[in-house]
């Protein structure tokens, strides 16, 4: 086998490994956020679904409209964190394939 063919096979093997690592990494991507007073924590899975929402009992002291706004803001922050992690992983994958 020629040296060029061996180099091509090695490059394809490296790219396949990078794809496998990226797929594994994407399945483990999560985003986590906690609001400033610590009463709300949200976790977003790699596919964008809400996987956990923890509400402290002290949240019941909030007026309902403020609680709703705080919950949505925390979920939004966790979603943004998950999106950043996905983007970072995909950028590293792109770099390794070029």
Protein backbone atom coordinates (compact mmCIF):
# COMPACT_ATOMS: atom_id res chain seq x y z
CA UNK A 1 0.00 0.00 0.00
CA UNK A 2 1.33 3.43 -0.90
CA UNK A 3 2.25 6.04 1.66
CA UNK A 4 -0.47 8.35 0.29
CA UNK A 5 -3.10 5.65 0.78
CA UNK A 6 -1.89 4.94 4.32
CA UNK A 7 -2.03 8.65 5.13
CA UNK A 8 -5.56 8.88 3.75
CA UNK A 9 -6.69 5.87 5.79
CA UNK A 10 -5.13 7.39 8.92
CA UNK A 11 -6.88 10.72 8.25
CA UNK A 12 -10.26 9.01 7.78
CA UNK A 13 -9.68 7.06 10.99
CA UNK A 14 -8.93 10.29 12.87
CA UNK A 15 -12.06 11.93 11.49
CA UNK A 16 -14.18 8.91 12.41
CA UNK A 17 -12.80 9.06 15.94
CA UNK A 18 -13.61 12.80 16.12
CA UNK A 19 -17.17 12.12 14.97
CA UNK A 20 -17.60 9.37 17.55
CA UNK A 21 -16.27 11.59 20.32
CA UNK A 22 -18.56 14.42 19.20
CA UNK A 23 -21.61 12.15 19.17
CA UNK A 24 -20.75 10.93 22.67
CA UNK A 25 -20.16 14.50 23.79
CA UNK A 26 -23.43 15.78 22.35
CA UNK A 27 -25.38 13.14 24.22
CA UNK A 28 -23.85 14.39 27.46
CA UNK A 29 -24.36 18.11 26.89
CA UNK A 30 -26.36 19.85 29.60
CA UNK A 31 -27.01 23.39 30.67
CA UNK A 32 -27.40 24.35 34.30
CA UNK A 33 -28.51 27.65 35.79
CA UNK A 34 -29.48 28.89 39.24
CA UNK A 35 -31.19 32.20 39.88
CA UNK A 36 -29.32 34.81 41.97
CA UNK A 37 -30.99 33.98 45.29
CA UNK A 38 -30.63 30.24 44.79
CA UNK A 39 -34.33 29.43 44.94
CA UNK A 40 -34.54 28.05 41.39
CA UNK A 41 -32.24 25.67 39.55
CA UNK A 42 -32.92 24.41 36.03
CA UNK A 43 -31.11 21.77 34.00
CA UNK A 44 -31.53 21.44 30.26
CA UNK A 45 -30.61 18.23 28.40
CA UNK A 46 -28.59 18.23 25.20
CA UNK A 47 -31.73 17.92 23.11
CA UNK A 48 -33.14 21.10 24.65
CA UNK A 49 -35.63 19.49 27.00
CA UNK A 50 -35.99 20.51 30.62
CA UNK A 51 -34.53 17.60 32.57
CA UNK A 52 -34.71 19.03 36.09
CA UNK A 53 -36.29 21.97 37.84
CA UNK A 54 -35.64 22.48 41.54
CA UNK A 55 -37.67 25.03 43.45
CA UNK A 56 -36.84 25.98 47.02
CA UNK A 57 -39.74 26.23 49.44
CA UNK A 58 -38.83 29.89 49.99
CA UNK A 59 -40.00 30.57 46.43
CA UNK A 60 -43.56 30.49 47.81
CA UNK A 61 -42.86 33.91 49.32
CA UNK A 62 -42.63 35.37 45.80
CA UNK A 63 -45.77 36.84 44.25
CA UNK A 64 -46.94 34.35 41.58
CA UNK A 65 -46.10 36.60 38.63
CA UNK A 66 -42.57 37.21 39.94
CA UNK A 67 -42.08 33.49 40.57
CA UNK A 68 -43.15 32.71 37.01
CA UNK A 69 -40.76 35.31 35.56
CA UNK A 70 -37.89 34.02 37.71
CA UNK A 71 -38.56 30.39 36.74
CA UNK A 72 -38.67 31.23 33.03
CA UNK A 73 -35.52 33.36 33.27
CA UNK A 74 -33.65 30.51 34.96
CA UNK A 75 -34.82 27.99 32.37
CA UNK A 76 -33.78 30.41 29.61
CA UNK A 77 -30.32 30.80 31.16
CA UNK A 78 -29.90 27.02 31.38
CA UNK A 79 -31.02 26.65 27.76
CA UNK A 80 -28.44 29.22 26.69
CA UNK A 81 -25.73 27.36 28.63
CA UNK A 82 -26.63 24.09 26.90
CA UNK A 83 -26.59 25.82 23.51
CA UNK A 84 -23.11 27.25 24.23
CA UNK A 85 -21.82 23.82 25.19
CA UNK A 86 -23.26 22.30 22.00
CA UNK A 87 -21.76 25.09 19.89
CA UNK A 88 -18.33 24.66 21.51
CA UNK A 89 -18.41 20.93 20.91
CA UNK A 90 -19.47 21.34 17.28
CA UNK A 91 -16.79 23.99 16.70
CA UNK A 92 -14.12 21.60 18.02
CA UNK A 93 -15.53 18.89 15.75
CA UNK A 94 -15.42 21.23 12.77
CA UNK A 95 -11.82 22.17 13.56
CA UNK A 96 -10.80 18.53 13.80
CA UNK A 97 -12.38 17.68 10.44
CA UNK A 98 -10.66 20.44 8.50
